[in-house]
Amino acid sequence: MEADDFLERVDAIVARAPQLSPLDGAVLASLDAEIAADSRSFAKVFGVAHALVLRAVSELADGFGLVAVTDRDARTQRTKLALTEAGRRLLAGRSDALPA
């Protein structure tokens, strides 16, 4: 996926769900495009502090229910993620992915 295509995807996600931050949208888009399936890989690929990615992951999982934590390394805090059904609905453009 080209950088411009990725950024367009992030913009589309955030436009569909304005309560999400651009970082939230980027995490979702990277999961969907299979660019990064864990927090540490995402941080490395995109040059973002791992702590910021972990904060976004927490919000996406606990706050919005768009991702599920499938594994976490206690030492490094590397967190493996998967899209939930709500996350897949949002990425498919469905308006019922997030509560109103």
Protein backbone atom coordinates (compact mmCIF):
# COMPACT_ATOMS: atom_id res chain seq x y z
CA MET A 1 0.00 0.00 0.00
CA GLU A 2 1.38 3.39 -0.99
CA ALA A 3 1.71 6.13 1.64
CA ASP A 4 -0.90 8.35 -0.03
CA ASP A 5 -3.38 5.46 -0.15
CA PHE A 6 -2.76 4.73 3.51
CA LEU A 7 -3.29 8.36 4.51
CA GLU A 8 -6.50 8.50 2.49
CA ARG A 9 -7.68 5.37 4.31
CA VAL A 10 -6.90 6.96 7.69
CA ASP A 11 -8.74 10.14 6.69
CA ALA A 12 -11.77 8.11 5.60
CA ILE A 13 -11.85 6.22 8.90
CA VAL A 14 -11.64 9.42 10.96
CA ALA A 15 -14.26 11.13 8.78
CA ARG A 16 -16.61 8.19 9.39
CA ALA A 17 -15.90 8.20 13.14
CA PRO A 18 -14.80 11.71 14.18
CA GLN A 19 -14.39 10.64 17.81
CA LEU A 20 -11.28 8.73 16.69
CA SER A 21 -7.90 10.43 16.54
CA PRO A 22 -5.72 10.17 13.43
CA LEU A 23 -3.48 7.79 15.39
CA ASP A 24 -6.52 5.60 16.17
CA GLY A 25 -7.38 5.60 12.48
CA ALA A 26 -3.82 4.71 11.53
CA VAL A 27 -3.78 1.75 13.94
CA LEU A 28 -7.04 0.47 12.44
CA ALA A 29 -5.85 1.00 8.87
CA SER A 30 -2.55 -0.77 9.58
CA LEU A 31 -4.37 -3.77 11.03
CA ASP A 32 -6.68 -3.90 8.03
CA ALA A 33 -3.79 -3.64 5.55
CA GLU A 34 -1.68 -6.12 7.57
CA ILE A 35 1.10 -3.56 7.95
CA ALA A 36 1.46 -4.08 11.70
CA ALA A 37 -0.40 -6.51 13.94
CA ASP A 38 1.15 -5.37 17.22
CA SER A 39 1.87 -2.12 19.00
CA ARG A 40 5.66 -2.27 18.89
CA SER A 41 5.76 -3.00 15.14
CA PHE A 42 3.34 -0.14 14.48
CA ALA A 43 5.50 2.22 16.56
CA LYS A 44 8.63 1.19 14.67
CA VAL A 45 7.10 1.33 11.16
CA PHE A 46 5.49 4.74 11.71
CA GLY A 47 8.10 6.31 13.99
CA VAL A 48 5.66 6.91 16.84
CA ALA A 49 6.51 6.49 20.52
CA HIS A 50 5.35 3.08 21.73
CA ALA A 51 3.67 4.69 24.74
CA LEU A 52 1.44 6.74 22.43
CA VAL A 53 0.53 3.65 20.45
CA LEU A 54 -0.33 1.81 23.67
CA ARG A 55 -2.61 4.68 24.67
CA ALA A 56 -4.37 4.50 21.29
CA VAL A 57 -4.69 0.72 21.60
CA SER A 58 -6.25 1.09 25.04
CA GLU A 59 -8.76 3.60 23.70
CA LEU A 60 -9.59 1.46 20.66
CA ALA A 61 -10.00 -1.70 22.76
CA ASP A 62 -11.54 -0.46 25.99
CA GLY A 63 -13.18 2.76 24.89
CA PHE A 64 -14.54 1.88 21.46
CA GLY A 65 -14.40 -1.91 21.21
CA LEU A 66 -12.86 -1.74 17.73
CA VAL A 67 -9.83 -3.94 18.46
CA ALA A 68 -9.19 -6.87 20.76
CA VAL A 69 -5.93 -7.49 22.58
CA THR A 70 -4.93 -11.04 21.70
CA ASP A 71 -1.60 -11.16 23.57
CA ARG A 72 0.64 -8.88 25.61
CA ASP A 73 4.28 -9.29 26.58
CA ALA A 74 4.57 -8.20 30.20
CA ARG A 75 8.22 -7.17 29.84
CA THR A 76 8.09 -5.14 26.62
CA GLN A 77 4.37 -4.27 26.61
CA ARG A 78 4.21 -5.41 22.96
CA THR A 79 0.49 -5.83 22.44
CA LYS A 80 -0.88 -8.03 19.67
CA LEU A 81 -4.18 -6.89 18.19
CA ALA A 82 -7.07 -8.08 16.08
CA LEU A 83 -10.03 -6.20 14.69
CA THR A 84 -13.34 -6.88 16.41
CA GLU A 85 -16.60 -7.23 14.51
CA ALA A 86 -17.27 -3.53 15.24
CA GLY A 87 -13.83 -2.66 13.87
CA ARG A 88 -14.50 -4.62 10.69
CA ARG A 89 -17.88 -2.88 10.30
CA LEU A 90 -16.24 0.54 10.66
CA LEU A 91 -13.59 -0.31 8.08
CA ALA A 92 -16.31 -1.57 5.74
CA GLY A 93 -17.98 1.83 5.95
CA ARG A 94 -20.94 0.79 8.08
CA SER A 95 -22.45 3.52 10.23
CA ASP A 96 -23.44 1.14 13.05
CA ALA A 97 -19.87 0.37 14.13
CA LEU A 98 -19.79 2.85 17.01
CA PRO A 99 -22.53 3.82 19.44
CA ALA A 100 -24.11 7.21 18.72
